[in-house]
Amino acid sequence: INAIVFNKLLPIALGLISTIYCYRVSLQIL
């Protein structure tokens, strides 16, 4: 996988990880 192509695909995984953590944190608070 080319570095430039990977750089364009990496934010998708980072966004999904952030979404999962945010949802779980929210459910623990409320």
mmCIF file of all heavy atoms, coordinates in Angstrom:
data_MODEL
# 
_entry.id   MODEL 
# 
loop_
_atom_site.group_PDB 
_atom_site.id 
_atom_site.type_symbol 
_atom_site.label_atom_id 
_atom_site.label_alt_id 
_atom_site.label_comp_id 
_atom_site.label_asym_id 
_atom_site.label_entity_id 
_atom_site.label_seq_id 
_atom_site.pdbx_PDB_ins_code 
_atom_site.Cartn_x 
_atom_site.Cartn_y 
_atom_site.Cartn_z 
_atom_site.occupancy 
_atom_site.B_iso_or_equiv 
_atom_site.pdbx_formal_charge 
_atom_site.auth_seq_id 
_atom_site.auth_comp_id 
_atom_site.auth_asym_id 
_atom_site.auth_atom_id 
_atom_site.pdbx_PDB_model_num 
ATOM 1   N N   . ILE A 1 1  ? 0.853   -1.186 0.000  1.00 0.00 ? 1  ILE A N   1 
ATOM 2   C CA  . ILE A 1 1  ? 0.000   0.000  0.000  1.00 0.00 ? 1  ILE A CA  1 
ATOM 3   C C   . ILE A 1 1  ? 0.888   1.235  0.000  1.00 0.00 ? 1  ILE A C   1 
ATOM 4   O O   . ILE A 1 1  ? 1.723   1.415  0.883  1.00 0.00 ? 1  ILE A O   1 
ATOM 5   C CB  . ILE A 1 1  ? -0.939  0.011  1.224  1.00 0.00 ? 1  ILE A CB  1 
ATOM 6   C CG1 . ILE A 1 1  ? -1.830  -1.221 1.205  1.00 0.00 ? 1  ILE A CG1 1 
ATOM 7   C CG2 . ILE A 1 1  ? -1.773  1.280  1.248  1.00 0.00 ? 1  ILE A CG2 1 
ATOM 8   C CD1 . ILE A 1 1  ? -2.693  -1.371 2.435  1.00 0.00 ? 1  ILE A CD1 1 
ATOM 9   N N   . ASN A 1 2  ? 0.696   2.073  -0.994 1.00 0.00 ? 2  ASN A N   1 
ATOM 10  C CA  . ASN A 1 2  ? 1.447   3.307  -1.152 1.00 0.00 ? 2  ASN A CA  1 
ATOM 11  C C   . ASN A 1 2  ? 1.225   4.202  0.080  1.00 0.00 ? 2  ASN A C   1 
ATOM 12  O O   . ASN A 1 2  ? 0.133   4.247  0.630  1.00 0.00 ? 2  ASN A O   1 
ATOM 13  C CB  . ASN A 1 2  ? 0.935   3.991  -2.428 1.00 0.00 ? 2  ASN A CB  1 
ATOM 14  C CG  . ASN A 1 2  ? 1.667   5.244  -2.772 1.00 0.00 ? 2  ASN A CG  1 
ATOM 15  O OD1 . ASN A 1 2  ? 2.358   5.830  -1.958 1.00 0.00 ? 2  ASN A OD1 1 
ATOM 16  N ND2 . ASN A 1 2  ? 1.506   5.666  -4.006 1.00 0.00 ? 2  ASN A ND2 1 
ATOM 17  N N   . ALA A 1 3  ? 2.241   4.954  0.487  1.00 0.00 ? 3  ALA A N   1 
ATOM 18  C CA  . ALA A 1 3  ? 2.132   5.813  1.675  1.00 0.00 ? 3  ALA A CA  1 
ATOM 19  C C   . ALA A 1 3  ? 1.061   6.884  1.503  1.00 0.00 ? 3  ALA A C   1 
ATOM 20  O O   . ALA A 1 3  ? 0.337   7.202  2.449  1.00 0.00 ? 3  ALA A O   1 
ATOM 21  C CB  . ALA A 1 3  ? 3.482   6.462  1.979  1.00 0.00 ? 3  ALA A CB  1 
ATOM 22  N N   . ILE A 1 4  ? 0.936   7.438  0.321  1.00 0.00 ? 4  ILE A N   1 
ATOM 23  C CA  . ILE A 1 4  ? -0.067  8.479  0.086  1.00 0.00 ? 4  ILE A CA  1 
ATOM 24  C C   . ILE A 1 4  ? -1.474  7.884  0.144  1.00 0.00 ? 4  ILE A C   1 
ATOM 25  O O   . ILE A 1 4  ? -2.387  8.472  0.731  1.00 0.00 ? 4  ILE A O   1 
ATOM 26  C CB  . ILE A 1 4  ? 0.176   9.179  -1.274 1.00 0.00 ? 4  ILE A CB  1 
ATOM 27  C CG1 . ILE A 1 4  ? 1.586   9.770  -1.343 1.00 0.00 ? 4  ILE A CG1 1 
ATOM 28  C CG2 . ILE A 1 4  ? -0.884  10.232 -1.529 1.00 0.00 ? 4  ILE A CG2 1 
ATOM 29  C CD1 . ILE A 1 4  ? 1.874   10.851 -0.343 1.00 0.00 ? 4  ILE A CD1 1 
ATOM 30  N N   . VAL A 1 5  ? -1.665  6.716  -0.434 1.00 0.00 ? 5  VAL A N   1 
ATOM 31  C CA  . VAL A 1 5  ? -2.976  6.057  -0.401 1.00 0.00 ? 5  VAL A CA  1 
ATOM 32  C C   . VAL A 1 5  ? -3.325  5.662  1.034  1.00 0.00 ? 5  VAL A C   1 
ATOM 33  O O   . VAL A 1 5  ? -4.449  5.873  1.496  1.00 0.00 ? 5  VAL A O   1 
ATOM 34  C CB  . VAL A 1 5  ? -3.003  4.829  -1.339 1.00 0.00 ? 5  VAL A CB  1 
ATOM 35  C CG1 . VAL A 1 5  ? -4.286  4.036  -1.177 1.00 0.00 ? 5  VAL A CG1 1 
ATOM 36  C CG2 . VAL A 1 5  ? -2.813  5.265  -2.777 1.00 0.00 ? 5  VAL A CG2 1 
ATOM 37  N N   . PHE A 1 6  ? -2.358  5.121  1.748  1.00 0.00 ? 6  PHE A N   1 
ATOM 38  C CA  . PHE A 1 6  ? -2.600  4.744  3.140  1.00 0.00 ? 6  PHE A CA  1 
ATOM 39  C C   . PHE A 1 6  ? -2.938  5.971  3.979  1.00 0.00 ? 6  PHE A C   1 
ATOM 40  O O   . PHE A 1 6  ? -3.791  5.918  4.859  1.00 0.00 ? 6  PHE A O   1 
ATOM 41  C CB  . PHE A 1 6  ? -1.392  4.012  3.721  1.00 0.00 ? 6  PHE A CB  1 
ATOM 42  C CG  . PHE A 1 6  ? -1.586  3.569  5.140  1.00 0.00 ? 6  PHE A CG  1 
ATOM 43  C CD1 . PHE A 1 6  ? -2.546  2.622  5.459  1.00 0.00 ? 6  PHE A CD1 1 
ATOM 44  C CD2 . PHE A 1 6  ? -0.824  4.103  6.162  1.00 0.00 ? 6  PHE A CD2 1 
ATOM 45  C CE1 . PHE A 1 6  ? -2.743  2.213  6.769  1.00 0.00 ? 6  PHE A CE1 1 
ATOM 46  C CE2 . PHE A 1 6  ? -1.001  3.697  7.469  1.00 0.00 ? 6  PHE A CE2 1 
ATOM 47  C CZ  . PHE A 1 6  ? -1.960  2.747  7.780  1.00 0.00 ? 6  PHE A CZ  1 
ATOM 48  N N   . ASN A 1 7  ? -2.278  7.083  3.683  1.00 0.00 ? 7  ASN A N   1 
ATOM 49  C CA  . ASN A 1 7  ? -2.547  8.328  4.392  1.00 0.00 ? 7  ASN A CA  1 
ATOM 50  C C   . ASN A 1 7  ? -3.987  8.790  4.176  1.00 0.00 ? 7  ASN A C   1 
ATOM 51  O O   . ASN A 1 7  ? -4.582  9.404  5.048  1.00 0.00 ? 7  ASN A O   1 
ATOM 52  C CB  . ASN A 1 7  ? -1.570  9.411  3.939  1.00 0.00 ? 7  ASN A CB  1 
ATOM 53  C CG  . ASN A 1 7  ? -1.854  10.734 4.573  1.00 0.00 ? 7  ASN A CG  1 
ATOM 54  O OD1 . ASN A 1 7  ? -2.499  11.589 3.976  1.00 0.00 ? 7  ASN A OD1 1 
ATOM 55  N ND2 . ASN A 1 7  ? -1.376  10.899 5.787  1.00 0.00 ? 7  ASN A ND2 1 
ATOM 56  N N   . LYS A 1 8  ? -4.543  8.488  3.033  1.00 0.00 ? 8  LYS A N   1 
ATOM 57  C CA  . LYS A 1 8  ? -5.930  8.875  2.756  1.00 0.00 ? 8  LYS A CA  1 
ATOM 58  C C   . LYS A 1 8  ? -6.927  7.899  3.377  1.00 0.00 ? 8  LYS A C   1 
ATOM 59  O O   . LYS A 1 8  ? -8.063  8.263  3.648  1.00 0.00 ? 8  LYS A O   1 
ATOM 60  C CB  . LYS A 1 8  ? -6.156  8.951  1.246  1.00 0.00 ? 8  LYS A CB  1 
ATOM 61  C CG  . LYS A 1 8  ? -5.374  10.086 0.593  1.00 0.00 ? 8  LYS A CG  1 
ATOM 62  C CD  . LYS A 1 8  ? -5.551  10.089 -0.904 1.00 0.00 ? 8  LYS A CD  1 
ATOM 63  C CE  . LYS A 1 8  ? -4.733  11.206 -1.539 1.00 0.00 ? 8  LYS A CE  1 
ATOM 64  N NZ  . LYS A 1 8  ? -4.937  11.269 -2.993 1.00 0.00 ? 8  LYS A NZ  1 
ATOM 65  N N   . LEU A 1 9  ? -6.519  6.659  3.630  1.00 0.00 ? 9  LEU A N   1 
ATOM 66  C CA  . LEU A 1 9  ? -7.413  5.656  4.200  1.00 0.00 ? 9  LEU A CA  1 
ATOM 67  C C   . LEU A 1 9  ? -7.352  5.588  5.724  1.00 0.00 ? 9  LEU A C   1 
ATOM 68  O O   . LEU A 1 9  ? -8.329  5.205  6.373  1.00 0.00 ? 9  LEU A O   1 
ATOM 69  C CB  . LEU A 1 9  ? -7.091  4.277  3.615  1.00 0.00 ? 9  LEU A CB  1 
ATOM 70  C CG  . LEU A 1 9  ? -7.312  4.112  2.118  1.00 0.00 ? 9  LEU A CG  1 
ATOM 71  C CD1 . LEU A 1 9  ? -6.834  2.747  1.657  1.00 0.00 ? 9  LEU A CD1 1 
ATOM 72  C CD2 . LEU A 1 9  ? -8.769  4.329  1.759  1.00 0.00 ? 9  LEU A CD2 1 
ATOM 73  N N   . LEU A 1 10 ? -6.227  5.965  6.291  1.00 0.00 ? 10 LEU A N   1 
ATOM 74  C CA  . LEU A 1 10 ? -6.028  5.884  7.741  1.00 0.00 ? 10 LEU A CA  1 
ATOM 75  C C   . LEU A 1 10 ? -7.060  6.675  8.540  1.00 0.00 ? 10 LEU A C   1 
ATOM 76  O O   . LEU A 1 10 ? -7.537  6.184  9.573  1.00 0.00 ? 10 LEU A O   1 
ATOM 77  C CB  . LEU A 1 10 ? -4.606  6.335  8.091  1.00 0.00 ? 10 LEU A CB  1 
ATOM 78  C CG  . LEU A 1 10 ? -4.206  6.296  9.555  1.00 0.00 ? 10 LEU A CG  1 
ATOM 79  C CD1 . LEU A 1 10 ? -4.267  4.867  10.078 1.00 0.00 ? 10 LEU A CD1 1 
ATOM 80  C CD2 . LEU A 1 10 ? -2.804  6.859  9.723  1.00 0.00 ? 10 LEU A CD2 1 
ATOM 81  N N   . PRO A 1 11 ? -7.456  7.873  8.125  1.00 0.00 ? 11 PRO A N   1 
ATOM 82  C CA  . PRO A 1 11 ? -8.453  8.616  8.917  1.00 0.00 ? 11 PRO A CA  1 
ATOM 83  C C   . PRO A 1 11 ? -9.785  7.897  9.096  1.00 0.00 ? 11 PRO A C   1 
ATOM 84  O O   . PRO A 1 11 ? -10.483 8.139  10.082 1.00 0.00 ? 11 PRO A O   1 
ATOM 85  C CB  . PRO A 1 11 ? -8.639  9.915  8.126  1.00 0.00 ? 11 PRO A CB  1 
ATOM 86  C CG  . PRO A 1 11 ? -7.349  10.104 7.415  1.00 0.00 ? 11 PRO A CG  1 
ATOM 87  C CD  . PRO A 1 11 ? -6.896  8.716  7.054  1.00 0.00 ? 11 PRO A CD  1 
ATOM 88  N N   . ILE A 1 12 ? -10.137 7.017  8.200  1.00 0.00 ? 12 ILE A N   1 
ATOM 89  C CA  . ILE A 1 12 ? -11.391 6.268  8.357  1.00 0.00 ? 12 ILE A CA  1 
ATOM 90  C C   . ILE A 1 12 ? -11.319 5.399  9.604  1.00 0.00 ? 12 ILE A C   1 
ATOM 91  O O   . ILE A 1 12 ? -12.237 5.399  10.432 1.00 0.00 ? 12 ILE A O   1 
ATOM 92  C CB  . ILE A 1 12 ? -11.660 5.399  7.109  1.00 0.00 ? 12 ILE A CB  1 
ATOM 93  C CG1 . ILE A 1 12 ? -11.797 6.274  5.889  1.00 0.00 ? 12 ILE A CG1 1 
ATOM 94  C CG2 . ILE A 1 12 ? -12.897 4.537  7.310  1.00 0.00 ? 12 ILE A CG2 1 
ATOM 95  C CD1 . ILE A 1 12 ? -11.770 5.499  4.600  1.00 0.00 ? 12 ILE A CD1 1 
ATOM 96  N N   . ALA A 1 13 ? -10.226 4.667  9.754  1.00 0.00 ? 13 ALA A N   1 
ATOM 97  C CA  . ALA A 1 13 ? -10.057 3.817  10.933 1.00 0.00 ? 13 ALA A CA  1 
ATOM 98  C C   . ALA A 1 13 ? -9.974  4.652  12.207 1.00 0.00 ? 13 ALA A C   1 
ATOM 99  O O   . ALA A 1 13 ? -10.580 4.303  13.228 1.00 0.00 ? 13 ALA A O   1 
ATOM 100 C CB  . ALA A 1 13 ? -8.803  2.955  10.784 1.00 0.00 ? 13 ALA A CB  1 
ATOM 101 N N   . LEU A 1 14 ? -9.259  5.762  12.147 1.00 0.00 ? 14 LEU A N   1 
ATOM 102 C CA  . LEU A 1 14 ? -9.140  6.619  13.322 1.00 0.00 ? 14 LEU A CA  1 
ATOM 103 C C   . LEU A 1 14 ? -10.500 7.210  13.716 1.00 0.00 ? 14 LEU A C   1 
ATOM 104 O O   . LEU A 1 14 ? -10.824 7.313  14.898 1.00 0.00 ? 14 LEU A O   1 
ATOM 105 C CB  . LEU A 1 14 ? -8.138  7.735  13.066 1.00 0.00 ? 14 LEU A CB  1 
ATOM 106 C CG  . LEU A 1 14 ? -6.684  7.298  12.825 1.00 0.00 ? 14 LEU A CG  1 
ATOM 107 C CD1 . LEU A 1 14 ? -5.814  8.498  12.500 1.00 0.00 ? 14 LEU A CD1 1 
ATOM 108 C CD2 . LEU A 1 14 ? -6.141  6.532  14.008 1.00 0.00 ? 14 LEU A CD2 1 
ATOM 109 N N   . GLY A 1 15 ? -11.294 7.565  12.725 1.00 0.00 ? 15 GLY A N   1 
ATOM 110 C CA  . GLY A 1 15 ? -12.634 8.087  12.999 1.00 0.00 ? 15 GLY A CA  1 
ATOM 111 C C   . GLY A 1 15 ? -13.545 7.040  13.621 1.00 0.00 ? 15 GLY A C   1 
ATOM 112 O O   . GLY A 1 15 ? -14.326 7.332  14.533 1.00 0.00 ? 15 GLY A O   1 
ATOM 113 N N   . LEU A 1 16 ? -13.451 5.810  13.134 1.00 0.00 ? 16 LEU A N   1 
ATOM 114 C CA  . LEU A 1 16 ? -14.271 4.735  13.699 1.00 0.00 ? 16 LEU A CA  1 
ATOM 115 C C   . LEU A 1 16 ? -13.867 4.421  15.137 1.00 0.00 ? 16 LEU A C   1 
ATOM 116 O O   . LEU A 1 16 ? -14.724 4.215  16.003 1.00 0.00 ? 16 LEU A O   1 
ATOM 117 C CB  . LEU A 1 16 ? -14.182 3.479  12.832 1.00 0.00 ? 16 LEU A CB  1 
ATOM 118 C CG  . LEU A 1 16 ? -14.948 3.542  11.517 1.00 0.00 ? 16 LEU A CG  1 
ATOM 119 C CD1 . LEU A 1 16 ? -14.622 2.335  10.649 1.00 0.00 ? 16 LEU A CD1 1 
ATOM 120 C CD2 . LEU A 1 16 ? -16.437 3.630  11.773 1.00 0.00 ? 16 LEU A CD2 1 
ATOM 121 N N   . ILE A 1 17 ? -12.575 4.392  15.401 1.00 0.00 ? 17 ILE A N   1 
ATOM 122 C CA  . ILE A 1 17 ? -12.105 4.151  16.774 1.00 0.00 ? 17 ILE A CA  1 
ATOM 123 C C   . ILE A 1 17 ? -12.595 5.260  17.700 1.00 0.00 ? 17 ILE A C   1 
ATOM 124 O O   . ILE A 1 17 ? -13.070 4.998  18.807 1.00 0.00 ? 17 ILE A O   1 
ATOM 125 C CB  . ILE A 1 17 ? -10.568 4.036  16.803 1.00 0.00 ? 17 ILE A CB  1 
ATOM 126 C CG1 . ILE A 1 17 ? -10.114 2.766  16.084 1.00 0.00 ? 17 ILE A CG1 1 
ATOM 127 C CG2 . ILE A 1 17 ? -10.046 4.040  18.236 1.00 0.00 ? 17 ILE A CG2 1 
ATOM 128 C CD1 . ILE A 1 17 ? -8.624  2.695  15.836 1.00 0.00 ? 17 ILE A CD1 1 
ATOM 129 N N   . SER A 1 18 ? -12.508 6.508  17.236 1.00 0.00 ? 18 SER A N   1 
ATOM 130 C CA  . SER A 1 18 ? -12.980 7.641  18.042 1.00 0.00 ? 18 SER A CA  1 
ATOM 131 C C   . SER A 1 18 ? -14.476 7.525  18.315 1.00 0.00 ? 18 SER A C   1 
ATOM 132 O O   . SER A 1 18 ? -14.935 7.796  19.429 1.00 0.00 ? 18 SER A O   1 
ATOM 133 C CB  . SER A 1 18 ? -12.710 8.961  17.324 1.00 0.00 ? 18 SER A CB  1 
ATOM 134 O OG  . SER A 1 18 ? -11.343 9.171  17.161 1.00 0.00 ? 18 SER A OG  1 
ATOM 135 N N   . THR A 1 19 ? -15.233 7.125  17.319 1.00 0.00 ? 19 THR A N   1 
ATOM 136 C CA  . THR A 1 19 ? -16.684 6.992  17.474 1.00 0.00 ? 19 THR A CA  1 
ATOM 137 C C   . THR A 1 19 ? -17.028 5.917  18.495 1.00 0.00 ? 19 THR A C   1 
ATOM 138 O O   . THR A 1 19 ? -17.904 6.114  19.349 1.00 0.00 ? 19 THR A O   1 
ATOM 139 C CB  . THR A 1 19 ? -17.333 6.668  16.114 1.00 0.00 ? 19 THR A CB  1 
ATOM 140 O OG1 . THR A 1 19 ? -17.046 7.735  15.213 1.00 0.00 ? 19 THR A OG1 1 
ATOM 141 C CG2 . THR A 1 19 ? -18.825 6.482  16.225 1.00 0.00 ? 19 THR A CG2 1 
ATOM 142 N N   . ILE A 1 20 ? -16.349 4.801  18.431 1.00 0.00 ? 20 ILE A N   1 
ATOM 143 C CA  . ILE A 1 20 ? -16.613 3.709  19.376 1.00 0.00 ? 20 ILE A CA  1 
ATOM 144 C C   . ILE A 1 20 ? -16.316 4.144  20.800 1.00 0.00 ? 20 ILE A C   1 
ATOM 145 O O   . ILE A 1 20 ? -17.122 3.943  21.717 1.00 0.00 ? 20 ILE A O   1 
ATOM 146 C CB  . ILE A 1 20 ? -15.813 2.451  18.984 1.00 0.00 ? 20 ILE A CB  1 
ATOM 147 C CG1 . ILE A 1 20 ? -16.350 1.880  17.673 1.00 0.00 ? 20 ILE A CG1 1 
ATOM 148 C CG2 . ILE A 1 20 ? -15.856 1.406  20.091 1.00 0.00 ? 20 ILE A CG2 1 
ATOM 149 C CD1 . ILE A 1 20 ? -15.453 0.846  17.032 1.00 0.00 ? 20 ILE A CD1 1 
ATOM 150 N N   . TYR A 1 21 ? -15.145 4.758  21.012 1.00 0.00 ? 21 TYR A N   1 
ATOM 151 C CA  . TYR A 1 21 ? -14.806 5.229  22.361 1.00 0.00 ? 21 TYR A CA  1 
ATOM 152 C C   . TYR A 1 21 ? -15.795 6.283  22.850 1.00 0.00 ? 21 TYR A C   1 
ATOM 153 O O   . TYR A 1 21 ? -16.222 6.260  23.999 1.00 0.00 ? 21 TYR A O   1 
ATOM 154 C CB  . TYR A 1 21 ? -13.395 5.797  22.414 1.00 0.00 ? 21 TYR A CB  1 
ATOM 155 C CG  . TYR A 1 21 ? -12.323 4.762  22.604 1.00 0.00 ? 21 TYR A CG  1 
ATOM 156 C CD1 . TYR A 1 21 ? -11.200 4.738  21.793 1.00 0.00 ? 21 TYR A CD1 1 
ATOM 157 C CD2 . TYR A 1 21 ? -12.404 3.817  23.623 1.00 0.00 ? 21 TYR A CD2 1 
ATOM 158 C CE1 . TYR A 1 21 ? -10.202 3.799  21.975 1.00 0.00 ? 21 TYR A CE1 1 
ATOM 159 C CE2 . TYR A 1 21 ? -11.414 2.876  23.806 1.00 0.00 ? 21 TYR A CE2 1 
ATOM 160 C CZ  . TYR A 1 21 ? -10.320 2.867  22.979 1.00 0.00 ? 21 TYR A CZ  1 
ATOM 161 O OH  . TYR A 1 21 ? -9.336  1.942  23.168 1.00 0.00 ? 21 TYR A OH  1 
ATOM 162 N N   . CYS A 1 22 ? -16.155 7.205  21.991 1.00 0.00 ? 22 CYS A N   1 
ATOM 163 C CA  . CYS A 1 22 ? -17.072 8.274  22.390 1.00 0.00 ? 22 CYS A CA  1 
ATOM 164 C C   . CYS A 1 22 ? -18.424 7.703  22.797 1.00 0.00 ? 22 CYS A C   1 
ATOM 165 O O   . CYS A 1 22 ? -19.003 8.119  23.807 1.00 0.00 ? 22 CYS A O   1 
ATOM 166 C CB  . CYS A 1 22 ? -17.222 9.278  21.261 1.00 0.00 ? 22 CYS A CB  1 
ATOM 167 S SG  . CYS A 1 22 ? -18.299 10.668 21.668 1.00 0.00 ? 22 CYS A SG  1 
ATOM 168 N N   . TYR A 1 23 ? -18.926 6.769  22.037 1.00 0.00 ? 23 TYR A N   1 
ATOM 169 C CA  . TYR A 1 23 ? -20.215 6.164  22.364 1.00 0.00 ? 23 TYR A CA  1 
ATOM 170 C C   . TYR A 1 23 ? -20.156 5.459  23.714 1.00 0.00 ? 23 TYR A C   1 
ATOM 171 O O   . TYR A 1 23 ? -21.048 5.606  24.550 1.00 0.00 ? 23 TYR A O   1 
ATOM 172 C CB  . TYR A 1 23 ? -20.633 5.188  21.258 1.00 0.00 ? 23 TYR A CB  1 
ATOM 173 C CG  . TYR A 1 23 ? -22.025 4.643  21.438 1.00 0.00 ? 23 TYR A CG  1 
ATOM 174 C CD1 . TYR A 1 23 ? -23.129 5.385  21.042 1.00 0.00 ? 23 TYR A CD1 1 
ATOM 175 C CD2 . TYR A 1 23 ? -22.245 3.401  22.012 1.00 0.00 ? 23 TYR A CD2 1 
ATOM 176 C CE1 . TYR A 1 23 ? -24.414 4.907  21.211 1.00 0.00 ? 23 TYR A CE1 1 
ATOM 177 C CE2 . TYR A 1 23 ? -23.531 2.909  22.195 1.00 0.00 ? 23 TYR A CE2 1 
ATOM 178 C CZ  . TYR A 1 23 ? -24.599 3.667  21.792 1.00 0.00 ? 23 TYR A CZ  1 
ATOM 179 O OH  . TYR A 1 23 ? -25.876 3.187  21.967 1.00 0.00 ? 23 TYR A OH  1 
ATOM 180 N N   . ARG A 1 24 ? -19.093 4.724  23.943 1.00 0.00 ? 24 ARG A N   1 
ATOM 181 C CA  . ARG A 1 24 ? -18.971 3.987  25.206 1.00 0.00 ? 24 ARG A CA  1 
ATOM 182 C C   . ARG A 1 24 ? -18.783 4.923  26.400 1.00 0.00 ? 24 ARG A C   1 
ATOM 183 O O   . ARG A 1 24 ? -19.329 4.673  27.475 1.00 0.00 ? 24 ARG A O   1 
ATOM 184 C CB  . ARG A 1 24 ? -17.829 2.981  25.117 1.00 0.00 ? 24 ARG A CB  1 
ATOM 185 C CG  . ARG A 1 24 ? -18.172 1.839  24.194 1.00 0.00 ? 24 ARG A CG  1 
ATOM 186 C CD  . ARG A 1 24 ? -17.122 0.789  24.190 1.00 0.00 ? 24 ARG A CD  1 
ATOM 187 N NE  . ARG A 1 24 ? -17.540 -0.327 23.370 1.00 0.00 ? 24 ARG A NE  1 
ATOM 188 C CZ  . ARG A 1 24 ? -16.856 -1.442 23.259 1.00 0.00 ? 24 ARG A CZ  1 
ATOM 189 N NH1 . ARG A 1 24 ? -15.729 -1.598 23.904 1.00 0.00 ? 24 ARG A NH1 1 
ATOM 190 N NH2 . ARG A 1 24 ? -17.302 -2.403 22.489 1.00 0.00 ? 24 ARG A NH2 1 
ATOM 191 N N   . VAL A 1 25 ? -17.990 5.980  26.215 1.00 0.00 ? 25 VAL A N   1 
ATOM 192 C CA  . VAL A 1 25 ? -17.822 6.959  27.290 1.00 0.00 ? 25 VAL A CA  1 
ATOM 193 C C   . VAL A 1 25 ? -19.150 7.619  27.605 1.00 0.00 ? 25 VAL A C   1 
ATOM 194 O O   . VAL A 1 25 ? -19.520 7.790  28.772 1.00 0.00 ? 25 VAL A O   1 
ATOM 195 C CB  . VAL A 1 25 ? -16.749 8.019  26.914 1.00 0.00 ? 25 VAL A CB  1 
ATOM 196 C CG1 . VAL A 1 25 ? -16.808 9.215  27.838 1.00 0.00 ? 25 VAL A CG1 1 
ATOM 197 C CG2 . VAL A 1 25 ? -15.363 7.411  26.943 1.00 0.00 ? 25 VAL A CG2 1 
ATOM 198 N N   . SER A 1 26 ? -19.891 7.969  26.581 1.00 0.00 ? 26 SER A N   1 
ATOM 199 C CA  . SER A 1 26 ? -21.192 8.612  26.785 1.00 0.00 ? 26 SER A CA  1 
ATOM 200 C C   . SER A 1 26 ? -22.144 7.705  27.555 1.00 0.00 ? 26 SER A C   1 
ATOM 201 O O   . SER A 1 26 ? -22.869 8.164  28.440 1.00 0.00 ? 26 SER A O   1 
ATOM 202 C CB  . SER A 1 26 ? -21.816 8.983  25.445 1.00 0.00 ? 26 SER A CB  1 
ATOM 203 O OG  . SER A 1 26 ? -21.025 9.924  24.790 1.00 0.00 ? 26 SER A OG  1 
ATOM 204 N N   . LEU A 1 27 ? -22.140 6.420  27.233 1.00 0.00 ? 27 LEU A N   1 
ATOM 205 C CA  . LEU A 1 27 ? -23.028 5.497  27.934 1.00 0.00 ? 27 LEU A CA  1 
ATOM 206 C C   . LEU A 1 27 ? -22.603 5.281  29.379 1.00 0.00 ? 27 LEU A C   1 
ATOM 207 O O   . LEU A 1 27 ? -23.436 4.993  30.233 1.00 0.00 ? 27 LEU A O   1 
ATOM 208 C CB  . LEU A 1 27 ? -23.108 4.158  27.211 1.00 0.00 ? 27 LEU A CB  1 
ATOM 209 C CG  . LEU A 1 27 ? -23.921 4.138  25.923 1.00 0.00 ? 27 LEU A CG  1 
ATOM 210 C CD1 . LEU A 1 27 ? -24.018 2.725  25.379 1.00 0.00 ? 27 LEU A CD1 1 
ATOM 211 C CD2 . LEU A 1 27 ? -25.303 4.720  26.121 1.00 0.00 ? 27 LEU A CD2 1 
ATOM 212 N N   . GLN A 1 28 ? -21.313 5.416  29.658 1.00 0.00 ? 28 GLN A N   1 
ATOM 213 C CA  . GLN A 1 28 ? -20.882 5.277  31.044 1.00 0.00 ? 28 GLN A CA  1 
ATOM 214 C C   . GLN A 1 28 ? -21.252 6.503  31.870 1.00 0.00 ? 28 GLN A C   1 
ATOM 215 O O   . GLN A 1 28 ? -21.532 6.388  33.048 1.00 0.00 ? 28 GLN A O   1 
ATOM 216 C CB  . GLN A 1 28 ? -19.381 5.017  31.111 1.00 0.00 ? 28 GLN A CB  1 
ATOM 217 C CG  . GLN A 1 28 ? -19.024 3.626  30.682 1.00 0.00 ? 28 GLN A CG  1 
ATOM 218 C CD  . GLN A 1 28 ? -17.557 3.321  30.888 1.00 0.00 ? 28 GLN A CD  1 
ATOM 219 O OE1 . GLN A 1 28 ? -16.773 4.185  31.254 1.00 0.00 ? 28 GLN A OE1 1 
ATOM 220 N NE2 . GLN A 1 28 ? -17.187 2.083  30.645 1.00 0.00 ? 28 GLN A NE2 1 
ATOM 221 N N   . ILE A 1 29 ? -21.238 7.660  31.241 1.00 0.00 ? 29 ILE A N   1 
ATOM 222 C CA  . ILE A 1 29 ? -21.612 8.883  31.954 1.00 0.00 ? 29 ILE A CA  1 
ATOM 223 C C   . ILE A 1 29 ? -23.129 8.978  32.099 1.00 0.00 ? 29 ILE A C   1 
ATOM 224 O O   . ILE A 1 29 ? -23.652 9.260  33.172 1.00 0.00 ? 29 ILE A O   1 
ATOM 225 C CB  . ILE A 1 29 ? -21.050 10.120 31.230 1.00 0.00 ? 29 ILE A CB  1 
ATOM 226 C CG1 . ILE A 1 29 ? -19.523 10.091 31.291 1.00 0.00 ? 29 ILE A CG1 1 
ATOM 227 C CG2 . ILE A 1 29 ? -21.586 11.402 31.841 1.00 0.00 ? 29 ILE A CG2 1 
ATOM 228 C CD1 . ILE A 1 29 ? -18.849 11.145 30.438 1.00 0.00 ? 29 ILE A CD1 1 
ATOM 229 N N   . LEU A 1 30 ? -23.829 8.764  30.993 1.00 0.00 ? 30 LEU A N   1 
ATOM 230 C CA  . LEU A 1 30 ? -25.291 8.831  30.979 1.00 0.00 ? 30 LEU A CA  1 
ATOM 231 C C   . LEU A 1 30 ? -25.790 7.635  30.168 1.00 0.00 ? 30 LEU A C   1 
ATOM 232 O O   . LEU A 1 30 ? -25.671 7.627  28.945 1.00 0.00 ? 30 LEU A O   1 
ATOM 233 C CB  . LEU A 1 30 ? -25.774 10.145 30.337 1.00 0.00 ? 30 LEU A CB  1 
ATOM 234 C CG  . LEU A 1 30 ? -27.265 10.361 30.239 1.00 0.00 ? 30 LEU A CG  1 
ATOM 235 C CD1 . LEU A 1 30 ? -27.885 10.480 31.640 1.00 0.00 ? 30 LEU A CD1 1 
ATOM 236 C CD2 . LEU A 1 30 ? -27.557 11.611 29.434 1.00 0.00 ? 30 LEU A CD2 1 
# 
